[in-house]
């Protein structure tokens, strides 16, 4: 599993749109599997789960991205990848997880 944590002073909606469109346009096999948006008072949270096919691993790898903002404060970003491993009892060949997360880093 690869992960990323950042804090950005950007417009929440613009950032979310850039992430969604960039991930989906970044790979022919990328798809948005699930999405959730939540509000409570002046706080908001969006969760996106993407998948794409891993040619190197011959399987699918997922990327979950969470954005959180309190009022007009900065946007907190957490992202984690999963899948892309071929071993049964330990992680092997996690290169595709890192590659998927690198795409998000480029978009940020």
PDB file of N, CA and C in Angstrom:
ATOM      1  N   UNK A   1       0.851  -1.172   0.000  1.00  0.00           N
ATOM      2  CA  UNK A   1       0.000   0.000   0.000  1.00  0.00           C
ATOM      3  C   UNK A   1       0.897   1.235   0.000  1.00  0.00           C
ATOM      4  N   UNK A   2       0.564   2.160  -0.859  1.00  0.00           N
ATOM      5  CA  UNK A   2       1.241   3.458  -0.896  1.00  0.00           C
ATOM      6  C   UNK A   2       0.239   4.510  -0.440  1.00  0.00           C
ATOM      7  N   UNK A   3       0.733   5.554   0.237  1.00  0.00           N
ATOM      8  CA  UNK A   3      -0.196   6.581   0.701  1.00  0.00           C
ATOM      9  C   UNK A   3       0.404   7.968   0.537  1.00  0.00           C
ATOM     10  N   UNK A   4      -0.481   8.955   0.547  1.00  0.00           N
ATOM     11  CA  UNK A   4      -0.110  10.355   0.405  1.00  0.00           C
ATOM     12  C   UNK A   4      -0.987  11.167   1.342  1.00  0.00           C
ATOM     13  N   UNK A   5      -0.388  12.141   2.013  1.00  0.00           N
ATOM     14  CA  UNK A   5      -1.128  13.076   2.860  1.00  0.00           C
ATOM     15  C   UNK A   5      -0.629  14.470   2.551  1.00  0.00           C
ATOM     16  N   UNK A   6      -1.552  15.382   2.226  1.00  0.00           N
ATOM     17  CA  UNK A   6      -1.193  16.768   1.916  1.00  0.00           C
ATOM     18  C   UNK A   6      -2.270  17.708   2.416  1.00  0.00           C
ATOM     19  N   UNK A   7      -1.894  18.955   2.558  1.00  0.00           N
ATOM     20  CA  UNK A   7      -2.832  20.024   2.881  1.00  0.00           C
ATOM     21  C   UNK A   7      -2.654  21.092   1.827  1.00  0.00           C
ATOM     22  N   UNK A   8      -3.764  21.528   1.202  1.00  0.00           N
ATOM     23  CA  UNK A   8      -3.719  22.502   0.112  1.00  0.00           C
ATOM     24  C   UNK A   8      -4.658  23.661   0.382  1.00  0.00           C
ATOM     25  N   UNK A   9      -4.222  24.860   0.038  1.00  0.00           N
ATOM     26  CA  UNK A   9      -5.080  26.042   0.084  1.00  0.00           C
ATOM     27  C   UNK A   9      -5.638  26.272  -1.311  1.00  0.00           C
ATOM     28  N   UNK A  10      -6.628  25.476  -1.659  1.00  0.00           N
ATOM     29  CA  UNK A  10      -7.270  25.544  -2.974  1.00  0.00           C
ATOM     30  C   UNK A  10      -8.774  25.448  -2.807  1.00  0.00           C
ATOM     31  N   UNK A  11      -9.490  25.791  -3.868  1.00  0.00           N
ATOM     32  CA  UNK A  11     -10.932  25.626  -3.893  1.00  0.00           C
ATOM     33  C   UNK A  11     -11.257  24.135  -3.892  1.00  0.00           C
ATOM     34  N   UNK A  12     -12.089  23.718  -2.959  1.00  0.00           N
ATOM     35  CA  UNK A  12     -12.436  22.305  -2.784  1.00  0.00           C
ATOM     36  C   UNK A  12     -12.979  21.694  -4.074  1.00  0.00           C
ATOM     37  N   UNK A  13     -13.975  22.353  -4.680  1.00  0.00           N
ATOM     38  CA  UNK A  13     -14.629  21.802  -5.868  1.00  0.00           C
ATOM     39  C   UNK A  13     -13.688  21.736  -7.064  1.00  0.00           C
ATOM     40  N   UNK A  14     -12.863  22.754  -7.233  1.00  0.00           N
ATOM     41  CA  UNK A  14     -11.909  22.765  -8.339  1.00  0.00           C
ATOM     42  C   UNK A  14     -10.888  21.644  -8.181  1.00  0.00           C
ATOM     43  N   UNK A  15     -10.404  21.462  -6.966  1.00  0.00           N
ATOM     44  CA  UNK A  15      -9.436  20.403  -6.685  1.00  0.00           C
ATOM     45  C   UNK A  15     -10.044  19.025  -6.931  1.00  0.00           C
ATOM     46  N   UNK A  16     -11.259  18.806  -6.456  1.00  0.00           N
ATOM     47  CA  UNK A  16     -11.931  17.522  -6.648  1.00  0.00           C
ATOM     48  C   UNK A  16     -12.136  17.233  -8.127  1.00  0.00           C
ATOM     49  N   UNK A  17     -12.569  18.220  -8.886  1.00  0.00           N
ATOM     50  CA  UNK A  17     -12.775  18.037 -10.334  1.00  0.00           C
ATOM     51  C   UNK A  17     -11.456  17.721 -11.037  1.00  0.00           C
ATOM     52  N   UNK A  18     -10.387  18.413 -10.660  1.00  0.00           N
ATOM     53  CA  UNK A  18      -9.081  18.165 -11.276  1.00  0.00           C
ATOM     54  C   UNK A  18      -8.604  16.734 -11.000  1.00  0.00           C
ATOM     55  N   UNK A  19      -8.826  16.267  -9.782  1.00  0.00           N
ATOM     56  CA  UNK A  19      -8.432  14.902  -9.431  1.00  0.00           C
ATOM     57  C   UNK A  19      -9.264  13.887 -10.212  1.00  0.00           C
ATOM     58  N   UNK A  20     -10.587  14.045 -10.182  1.00  0.00           N
ATOM     59  CA  UNK A  20     -11.464  13.097 -10.888  1.00  0.00           C
ATOM     60  C   UNK A  20     -11.138  13.018 -12.373  1.00  0.00           C
ATOM     61  N   UNK A  21     -11.127  14.154 -13.041  1.00  0.00           N
ATOM     62  CA  UNK A  21     -10.906  14.129 -14.493  1.00  0.00           C
ATOM     63  C   UNK A  21      -9.488  13.689 -14.823  1.00  0.00           C
ATOM     64  N   UNK A  22      -8.506  14.094 -14.018  1.00  0.00           N
ATOM     65  CA  UNK A  22      -7.123  13.716 -14.294  1.00  0.00           C
ATOM     66  C   UNK A  22      -6.875  12.232 -14.151  1.00  0.00           C
ATOM     67  N   UNK A  23      -7.444  11.612 -13.129  1.00  0.00           N
ATOM     68  CA  UNK A  23      -7.274  10.167 -12.941  1.00  0.00           C
ATOM     69  C   UNK A  23      -7.967   9.410 -14.063  1.00  0.00           C
ATOM     70  N   UNK A  24      -9.192   9.809 -14.393  1.00  0.00           N
ATOM     71  CA  UNK A  24      -9.948   9.092 -15.425  1.00  0.00           C
ATOM     72  C   UNK A  24      -9.350   9.264 -16.818  1.00  0.00           C
ATOM     73  N   UNK A  25      -8.778  10.423 -17.097  1.00  0.00           N
ATOM     74  CA  UNK A  25      -8.144  10.649 -18.397  1.00  0.00           C
ATOM     75  C   UNK A  25      -6.714  10.119 -18.447  1.00  0.00           C
ATOM     76  N   UNK A  26      -6.155   9.775 -17.287  1.00  0.00           N
ATOM     77  CA  UNK A  26      -4.768   9.352 -17.212  1.00  0.00           C
ATOM     78  C   UNK A  26      -4.511   7.909 -17.577  1.00  0.00           C
ATOM     79  N   UNK A  27      -5.569   7.117 -17.707  1.00  0.00           N
ATOM     80  CA  UNK A  27      -5.420   5.706 -18.048  1.00  0.00           C
ATOM     81  C   UNK A  27      -6.673   5.241 -18.782  1.00  0.00           C
ATOM     82  N   UNK A  28      -6.476   4.481 -19.833  1.00  0.00           N
ATOM     83  CA  UNK A  28      -7.602   3.958 -20.612  1.00  0.00           C
ATOM     84  C   UNK A  28      -8.470   3.039 -19.759  1.00  0.00           C
ATOM     85  N   UNK A  29      -7.862   2.363 -18.787  1.00  0.00           N
ATOM     86  CA  UNK A  29      -8.612   1.395 -17.982  1.00  0.00           C
ATOM     87  C   UNK A  29      -9.101   1.965 -16.658  1.00  0.00           C
ATOM     88  N   UNK A  30      -8.845   3.240 -16.387  1.00  0.00           N
ATOM     89  CA  UNK A  30      -9.261   3.835 -15.109  1.00  0.00           C
ATOM     90  C   UNK A  30     -10.777   4.022 -15.057  1.00  0.00           C
ATOM     91  N   UNK A  31     -11.335   3.777 -13.870  1.00  0.00           N
ATOM     92  CA  UNK A  31     -12.767   3.966 -13.677  1.00  0.00           C
ATOM     93  C   UNK A  31     -13.007   4.507 -12.263  1.00  0.00           C
ATOM     94  N   UNK A  32     -14.099   5.236 -12.124  1.00  0.00           N
ATOM     95  CA  UNK A  32     -14.544   5.704 -10.812  1.00  0.00           C
ATOM     96  C   UNK A  32     -15.521   4.660 -10.294  1.00  0.00           C
ATOM     97  N   UNK A  33     -15.114   3.921  -9.270  1.00  0.00           N
ATOM     98  CA  UNK A  33     -15.921   2.808  -8.766  1.00  0.00           C
ATOM     99  C   UNK A  33     -16.982   3.253  -7.771  1.00  0.00           C
ATOM    100  N   UNK A  34     -16.636   4.192  -6.901  1.00  0.00           N
ATOM    101  CA  UNK A  34     -17.577   4.695  -5.909  1.00  0.00           C
ATOM    102  C   UNK A  34     -17.246   6.129  -5.561  1.00  0.00           C
ATOM    103  N   UNK A  35     -18.262   6.859  -5.102  1.00  0.00           N
ATOM    104  CA  UNK A  35     -18.078   8.250  -4.695  1.00  0.00           C
ATOM    105  C   UNK A  35     -19.038   8.548  -3.550  1.00  0.00           C
ATOM    106  N   UNK A  36     -18.573   9.368  -2.623  1.00  0.00           N
ATOM    107  CA  UNK A  36     -19.420   9.786  -1.511  1.00  0.00           C
ATOM    108  C   UNK A  36     -19.077  11.208  -1.124  1.00  0.00           C
ATOM    109  N   UNK A  37     -20.107  12.010  -0.837  1.00  0.00           N
ATOM    110  CA  UNK A  37     -19.932  13.400  -0.435  1.00  0.00           C
ATOM    111  C   UNK A  37     -20.752  13.641   0.825  1.00  0.00           C
ATOM    112  N   UNK A  38     -20.128  14.299   1.799  1.00  0.00           N
ATOM    113  CA  UNK A  38     -20.766  14.496   3.095  1.00  0.00           C
ATOM    114  C   UNK A  38     -20.595  15.940   3.545  1.00  0.00           C
ATOM    115  N   UNK A  39     -21.608  16.467   4.225  1.00  0.00           N
ATOM    116  CA  UNK A  39     -21.551  17.799   4.830  1.00  0.00           C
ATOM    117  C   UNK A  39     -22.131  17.723   6.225  1.00  0.00           C
ATOM    118  N   UNK A  40     -21.484  18.446   7.136  1.00  0.00           N
ATOM    119  CA  UNK A  40     -21.982  18.581   8.497  1.00  0.00           C
ATOM    120  C   UNK A  40     -21.590  19.977   8.950  1.00  0.00           C
ATOM    121  N   UNK A  41     -22.574  20.848   9.083  1.00  0.00           N
ATOM    122  CA  UNK A  41     -22.270  22.237   9.410  1.00  0.00           C
ATOM    123  C   UNK A  41     -21.452  22.856   8.287  1.00  0.00           C
ATOM    124  N   UNK A  42     -20.294  23.417   8.637  1.00  0.00           N
ATOM    125  CA  UNK A  42     -19.448  24.014   7.604  1.00  0.00           C
ATOM    126  C   UNK A  42     -18.301  23.089   7.195  1.00  0.00           C
ATOM    127  N   UNK A  43     -18.380  21.816   7.585  1.00  0.00           N
ATOM    128  CA  UNK A  43     -17.362  20.840   7.187  1.00  0.00           C
ATOM    129  C   UNK A  43     -17.877  20.014   6.018  1.00  0.00           C
ATOM    130  N   UNK A  44     -16.945  19.631   5.155  1.00  0.00           N
ATOM    131  CA  UNK A  44     -17.312  18.762   4.035  1.00  0.00           C
ATOM    132  C   UNK A  44     -16.220  17.746   3.778  1.00  0.00           C
ATOM    133  N   UNK A  45     -16.637  16.617   3.242  1.00  0.00           N
ATOM    134  CA  UNK A  45     -15.727  15.514   2.971  1.00  0.00           C
ATOM    135  C   UNK A  45     -16.181  14.823   1.692  1.00  0.00           C
ATOM    136  N   UNK A  46     -15.237  14.519   0.816  1.00  0.00           N
ATOM    137  CA  UNK A  46     -15.520  13.760  -0.400  1.00  0.00           C
ATOM    138  C   UNK A  46     -14.569  12.589  -0.480  1.00  0.00           C
ATOM    139  N   UNK A  47     -15.113  11.427  -0.844  1.00  0.00           N
ATOM    140  CA  UNK A  47     -14.323  10.213  -0.989  1.00  0.00           C
ATOM    141  C   UNK A  47     -14.530   9.690  -2.407  1.00  0.00           C
ATOM    142  N   UNK A  48     -13.429   9.344  -3.072  1.00  0.00           N
ATOM    143  CA  UNK A  48     -13.479   8.768  -4.409  1.00  0.00           C
ATOM    144  C   UNK A  48     -12.634   7.504  -4.444  1.00  0.00           C
ATOM    145  N   UNK A  49     -13.184   6.438  -5.034  1.00  0.00           N
ATOM    146  CA  UNK A  49     -12.454   5.184  -5.180  1.00  0.00           C
ATOM    147  C   UNK A  49     -12.317   4.896  -6.675  1.00  0.00           C
ATOM    148  N   UNK A  50     -11.080   4.888  -7.133  1.00  0.00           N
ATOM    149  CA  UNK A  50     -10.764   4.627  -8.534  1.00  0.00           C
ATOM    150  C   UNK A  50     -10.108   3.259  -8.658  1.00  0.00           C
ATOM    151  N   UNK A  51     -10.234   2.660  -9.830  1.00  0.00           N
ATOM    152  CA  UNK A  51      -9.524   1.428 -10.162  1.00  0.00           C
ATOM    153  C   UNK A  51      -8.940   1.557 -11.552  1.00  0.00           C
ATOM    154  N   UNK A  52      -7.876   0.798 -11.775  1.00  0.00           N
ATOM    155  CA  UNK A  52      -7.338   0.671 -13.124  1.00  0.00           C
ATOM    156  C   UNK A  52      -6.661  -0.676 -13.235  1.00  0.00           C
ATOM    157  N   UNK A  53      -6.517  -1.126 -14.457  1.00  0.00           N
ATOM    158  CA  UNK A  53      -5.868  -2.408 -14.719  1.00  0.00           C
ATOM    159  C   UNK A  53      -4.359  -2.250 -14.659  1.00  0.00           C
ATOM    160  N   UNK A  54      -3.710  -3.187 -14.021  1.00  0.00           N
ATOM    161  CA  UNK A  54      -2.249  -3.204 -13.929  1.00  0.00           C
ATOM    162  C   UNK A  54      -1.710  -4.216 -14.928  1.00  0.00           C
ATOM    163  N   UNK A  55      -1.103  -3.721 -15.987  1.00  0.00           N
ATOM    164  CA  UNK A  55      -0.536  -4.619 -16.984  1.00  0.00           C
ATOM    165  C   UNK A  55       0.617  -5.428 -16.406  1.00  0.00           C
ATOM    166  N   UNK A  56       1.430  -4.800 -15.566  1.00  0.00           N
ATOM    167  CA  UNK A  56       2.591  -5.488 -14.978  1.00  0.00           C
ATOM    168  C   UNK A  56       2.150  -6.614 -14.046  1.00  0.00           C
ATOM    169  N   UNK A  57       1.082  -6.390 -13.292  1.00  0.00           N
ATOM    170  CA  UNK A  57       0.620  -7.389 -12.333  1.00  0.00           C
ATOM    171  C   UNK A  57      -0.517  -8.246 -12.838  1.00  0.00           C
ATOM    172  N   UNK A  58      -1.052  -7.923 -13.999  1.00  0.00           N
ATOM    173  CA  UNK A  58      -2.209  -8.639 -14.561  1.00  0.00           C
ATOM    174  C   UNK A  58      -3.372  -8.685 -13.573  1.00  0.00           C
ATOM    175  N   UNK A  59      -3.606  -7.564 -12.896  1.00  0.00           N
ATOM    176  CA  UNK A  59      -4.731  -7.459 -11.970  1.00  0.00           C
ATOM    177  C   UNK A  59      -5.153  -5.996 -11.893  1.00  0.00           C
ATOM    178  N   UNK A  60      -6.063  -5.686 -10.988  1.00  0.00           N
ATOM    179  CA  UNK A  60      -6.519  -4.306 -10.841  1.00  0.00           C
ATOM    180  C   UNK A  60      -5.940  -3.715  -9.566  1.00  0.00           C
ATOM    181  N   UNK A  61      -5.706  -2.418  -9.607  1.00  0.00           N
ATOM    182  CA  UNK A  61      -5.195  -1.689  -8.455  1.00  0.00           C
ATOM    183  C   UNK A  61      -6.165  -0.546  -8.167  1.00  0.00           C
ATOM    184  N   UNK A  62      -6.387  -0.235  -6.884  1.00  0.00           N
ATOM    185  CA  UNK A  62      -7.335   0.815  -6.535  1.00  0.00           C
ATOM    186  C   UNK A  62      -6.623   2.002  -5.892  1.00  0.00           C
ATOM    187  N   UNK A  63      -7.254   3.158  -6.013  1.00  0.00           N
ATOM    188  CA  UNK A  63      -6.784   4.391  -5.408  1.00  0.00           C
ATOM    189  C   UNK A  63      -7.980   5.050  -4.734  1.00  0.00           C
ATOM    190  N   UNK A  64      -7.892   5.232  -3.426  1.00  0.00           N
ATOM    191  CA  UNK A  64      -8.938   5.909  -2.679  1.00  0.00           C
ATOM    192  C   UNK A  64      -8.432   7.289  -2.292  1.00  0.00           C
ATOM    193  N   UNK A  65      -9.209   8.317  -2.629  1.00  0.00           N
ATOM    194  CA  UNK A  65      -8.833   9.706  -2.346  1.00  0.00           C
ATOM    195  C   UNK A  65      -9.910  10.324  -1.457  1.00  0.00           C
ATOM    196  N   UNK A  66      -9.489  10.938  -0.355  1.00  0.00           N
ATOM    197  CA  UNK A  66     -10.402  11.615   0.560  1.00  0.00           C
ATOM    198  C   UNK A  66      -9.986  13.073   0.691  1.00  0.00           C
ATOM    199  N   UNK A  67     -10.948  13.975   0.499  1.00  0.00           N
ATOM    200  CA  UNK A  67     -10.732  15.406   0.712  1.00  0.00           C
ATOM    201  C   UNK A  67     -11.600  15.837   1.878  1.00  0.00           C
ATOM    202  N   UNK A  68     -11.036  16.667   2.773  1.00  0.00           N
ATOM    203  CA  UNK A  68     -11.778  17.176   3.920  1.00  0.00           C
ATOM    204  C   UNK A  68     -11.478  18.663   4.078  1.00  0.00           C
ATOM    205  N   UNK A  69     -12.533  19.436   4.350  1.00  0.00           N
ATOM    206  CA  UNK A  69     -12.358  20.874   4.573  1.00  0.00           C
ATOM    207  C   UNK A  69     -13.316  21.336   5.665  1.00  0.00           C
ATOM    208  N   UNK A  70     -12.806  22.135   6.585  1.00  0.00           N
ATOM    209  CA  UNK A  70     -13.610  22.759   7.638  1.00  0.00           C
ATOM    210  C   UNK A  70     -13.765  24.230   7.297  1.00  0.00           C
ATOM    211  N   UNK A  71     -14.976  24.670   7.014  1.00  0.00           N
ATOM    212  CA  UNK A  71     -15.228  26.068   6.663  1.00  0.00           C
ATOM    213  C   UNK A  71     -14.424  26.501   5.454  1.00  0.00           C
ATOM    214  N   UNK A  72     -13.741  27.635   5.572  1.00  0.00           N
ATOM    215  CA  UNK A  72     -12.899  28.133   4.481  1.00  0.00           C
ATOM    216  C   UNK A  72     -11.444  27.742   4.673  1.00  0.00           C
ATOM    217  N   UNK A  73     -11.189  26.781   5.548  1.00  0.00           N
ATOM    218  CA  UNK A  73      -9.822  26.353   5.837  1.00  0.00           C
ATOM    219  C   UNK A  73      -9.212  25.583   4.688  1.00  0.00           C
ATOM    220  N   UNK A  74      -8.002  25.116   4.881  1.00  0.00           N
ATOM    221  CA  UNK A  74      -7.320  24.360   3.830  1.00  0.00           C
ATOM    222  C   UNK A  74      -7.990  23.006   3.592  1.00  0.00           C
ATOM    223  N   UNK A  75      -7.736  22.442   2.436  1.00  0.00           N
ATOM    224  CA  UNK A  75      -8.269  21.131   2.081  1.00  0.00           C
ATOM    225  C   UNK A  75      -7.235  20.080   2.470  1.00  0.00           C
ATOM    226  N   UNK A  76      -7.661  19.136   3.295  1.00  0.00           N
ATOM    227  CA  UNK A  76      -6.806  18.027   3.706  1.00  0.00           C
ATOM    228  C   UNK A  76      -7.040  16.875   2.731  1.00  0.00           C
ATOM    229  N   UNK A  77      -5.959  16.308   2.232  1.00  0.00           N
ATOM    230  CA  UNK A  77      -6.034  15.231   1.249  1.00  0.00           C
ATOM    231  C   UNK A  77      -5.366  13.991   1.819  1.00  0.00           C
ATOM    232  N   UNK A  78      -6.068  12.870   1.752  1.00  0.00           N
ATOM    233  CA  UNK A  78      -5.478  11.580   2.077  1.00  0.00           C
ATOM    234  C   UNK A  78      -5.775  10.640   0.926  1.00  0.00           C
ATOM    235  N   UNK A  79      -4.756   9.927   0.456  1.00  0.00           N
ATOM    236  CA  UNK A  79      -4.941   8.970  -0.622  1.00  0.00           C
ATOM    237  C   UNK A  79      -4.164   7.700  -0.306  1.00  0.00           C
ATOM    238  N   UNK A  80      -4.731   6.559  -0.664  1.00  0.00           N
ATOM    239  CA  UNK A  80      -4.071   5.268  -0.451  1.00  0.00           C
ATOM    240  C   UNK A  80      -4.408   4.335  -1.606  1.00  0.00           C
ATOM    241  N   UNK A  81      -3.432   3.536  -1.982  1.00  0.00           N
ATOM    242  CA  UNK A  81      -3.635   2.543  -3.030  1.00  0.00           C
ATOM    243  C   UNK A  81      -3.718   1.164  -2.400  1.00  0.00           C
ATOM    244  N   UNK A  82      -4.308   0.226  -3.134  1.00  0.00           N
ATOM    245  CA  UNK A  82      -4.386  -1.166  -2.692  1.00  0.00           C
ATOM    246  C   UNK A  82      -4.456  -2.055  -3.919  1.00  0.00           C
ATOM    247  N   UNK A  83      -4.074  -3.302  -3.739  1.00  0.00           N
ATOM    248  CA  UNK A  83      -4.054  -4.242  -4.851  1.00  0.00           C
ATOM    249  C   UNK A  83      -2.702  -4.201  -5.524  1.00  0.00           C
ATOM    250  N   UNK A  84      -2.609  -4.789  -6.659  1.00  0.00           N
ATOM    251  CA  UNK A  84      -1.366  -4.753  -7.409  1.00  0.00           C
ATOM    252  C   UNK A  84      -0.310  -5.705  -6.907  1.00  0.00           C
ATOM    253  N   UNK A  85      -0.612  -6.524  -5.905  1.00  0.00           N
ATOM    254  CA  UNK A  85       0.352  -7.480  -5.384  1.00  0.00           C
ATOM    255  C   UNK A  85      -0.013  -8.872  -5.863  1.00  0.00           C
ATOM    256  N   UNK A  86       1.011  -9.679  -6.117  1.00  0.00           N
ATOM    257  CA  UNK A  86       0.756 -11.020  -6.637  1.00  0.00           C
ATOM    258  C   UNK A  86       0.972 -12.124  -5.618  1.00  0.00           C
ATOM    259  N   UNK A  87       1.497 -11.809  -4.448  1.00  0.00           N
ATOM    260  CA  UNK A  87       1.782 -12.843  -3.454  1.00  0.00           C
ATOM    261  C   UNK A  87       0.563 -13.108  -2.578  1.00  0.00           C
ATOM    262  N   UNK A  88       0.524 -14.302  -1.968  1.00  0.00           N
ATOM    263  CA  UNK A  88      -0.611 -14.671  -1.142  1.00  0.00           C
ATOM    264  C   UNK A  88      -0.465 -14.179   0.300  1.00  0.00           C
ATOM    265  N   UNK A  89       0.730 -14.229   0.874  1.00  0.00           N
ATOM    266  CA  UNK A  89       0.899 -13.931   2.290  1.00  0.00           C
ATOM    267  C   UNK A  89       1.706 -12.670   2.574  1.00  0.00           C
ATOM    268  N   UNK A  90       2.291 -12.045   1.558  1.00  0.00           N
ATOM    269  CA  UNK A  90       3.046 -10.813   1.756  1.00  0.00           C
ATOM    270  C   UNK A  90       3.004 -10.006   0.472  1.00  0.00           C
ATOM    271  N   UNK A  91       3.344  -8.742   0.582  1.00  0.00           N
ATOM    272  CA  UNK A  91       3.309  -7.852  -0.580  1.00  0.00           C
ATOM    273  C   UNK A  91       4.488  -8.146  -1.507  1.00  0.00           C
ATOM    274  N   UNK A  92       4.191  -8.279  -2.766  1.00  0.00           N
ATOM    275  CA  UNK A  92       5.202  -8.512  -3.785  1.00  0.00           C
ATOM    276  C   UNK A  92       4.807  -7.688  -5.003  1.00  0.00           C
ATOM    277  N   UNK A  93       5.745  -6.972  -5.584  1.00  0.00           N
ATOM    278  CA  UNK A  93       5.481  -6.204  -6.795  1.00  0.00           C
ATOM    279  C   UNK A  93       4.424  -5.124  -6.547  1.00  0.00           C
ATOM    280  N   UNK A  94       4.745  -4.166  -5.696  1.00  0.00           N
ATOM    281  CA  UNK A  94       3.815  -3.070  -5.407  1.00  0.00           C
ATOM    282  C   UNK A  94       4.084  -1.859  -6.299  1.00  0.00           C
ATOM    283  N   UNK A  95       4.850  -2.043  -7.351  1.00  0.00           N
ATOM    284  CA  UNK A  95       5.214  -0.970  -8.267  1.00  0.00           C
ATOM    285  C   UNK A  95       3.980  -0.271  -8.836  1.00  0.00           C
ATOM    286  N   UNK A  96       2.953  -1.017  -9.196  1.00  0.00           N
ATOM    287  CA  UNK A  96       1.753  -0.425  -9.797  1.00  0.00           C
ATOM    288  C   UNK A  96       0.999   0.458  -8.812  1.00  0.00           C
ATOM    289  N   UNK A  97       1.027   0.124  -7.520  1.00  0.00           N
ATOM    290  CA  UNK A  97       0.394   0.978  -6.517  1.00  0.00           C
ATOM    291  C   UNK A  97       1.097   2.337  -6.479  1.00  0.00           C
ATOM    292  N   UNK A  98       2.420   2.311  -6.466  1.00  0.00           N
ATOM    293  CA  UNK A  98       3.197   3.557  -6.458  1.00  0.00           C
ATOM    294  C   UNK A  98       2.955   4.368  -7.723  1.00  0.00           C
ATOM    295  N   UNK A  99       2.857   3.711  -8.859  1.00  0.00           N
ATOM    296  CA  UNK A  99       2.622   4.385 -10.136  1.00  0.00           C
ATOM    297  C   UNK A  99       1.263   5.078 -10.149  1.00  0.00           C
ATOM    298  N   UNK A 100       0.241   4.417  -9.613  1.00  0.00           N
ATOM    299  CA  UNK A 100      -1.099   5.008  -9.560  1.00  0.00           C
ATOM    300  C   UNK A 100      -1.091   6.247  -8.661  1.00  0.00           C
ATOM    301  N   UNK A 101      -0.420   6.158  -7.526  1.00  0.00           N
ATOM    302  CA  UNK A 101      -0.336   7.291  -6.617  1.00  0.00           C
ATOM    303  C   UNK A 101       0.480   8.435  -7.227  1.00  0.00           C
ATOM    304  N   UNK A 102       1.487   8.096  -8.017  1.00  0.00           N
ATOM    305  CA  UNK A 102       2.285   9.129  -8.696  1.00  0.00           C
ATOM    306  C   UNK A 102       1.425   9.967  -9.641  1.00  0.00           C
ATOM    307  N   UNK A 103       0.422   9.358 -10.259  1.00  0.00           N
ATOM    308  CA  UNK A 103      -0.489  10.104 -11.129  1.00  0.00           C
ATOM    309  C   UNK A 103      -1.214  11.184 -10.328  1.00  0.00           C
ATOM    310  N   UNK A 104      -1.650  10.840  -9.114  1.00  0.00           N
ATOM    311  CA  UNK A 104      -2.300  11.832  -8.252  1.00  0.00           C
ATOM    312  C   UNK A 104      -1.314  12.921  -7.866  1.00  0.00           C
ATOM    313  N   UNK A 105      -0.097  12.560  -7.545  1.00  0.00           N
ATOM    314  CA  UNK A 105       0.924  13.568  -7.201  1.00  0.00           C
ATOM    315  C   UNK A 105       1.115  14.564  -8.338  1.00  0.00           C
ATOM    316  N   UNK A 106       1.117  14.091  -9.564  1.00  0.00           N
ATOM    317  CA  UNK A 106       1.257  14.977 -10.736  1.00  0.00           C
ATOM    318  C   UNK A 106       0.087  15.947 -10.824  1.00  0.00           C
ATOM    319  N   UNK A 107      -1.107  15.470 -10.500  1.00  0.00           N
ATOM    320  CA  UNK A 107      -2.301  16.321 -10.575  1.00  0.00           C
ATOM    321  C   UNK A 107      -2.326  17.390  -9.483  1.00  0.00           C
ATOM    322  N   UNK A 108      -1.700  17.091  -8.365  1.00  0.00           N
ATOM    323  CA  UNK A 108      -1.670  18.051  -7.264  1.00  0.00           C
ATOM    324  C   UNK A 108      -0.610  19.102  -7.508  1.00  0.00           C
TER     325      UNK A 108
END
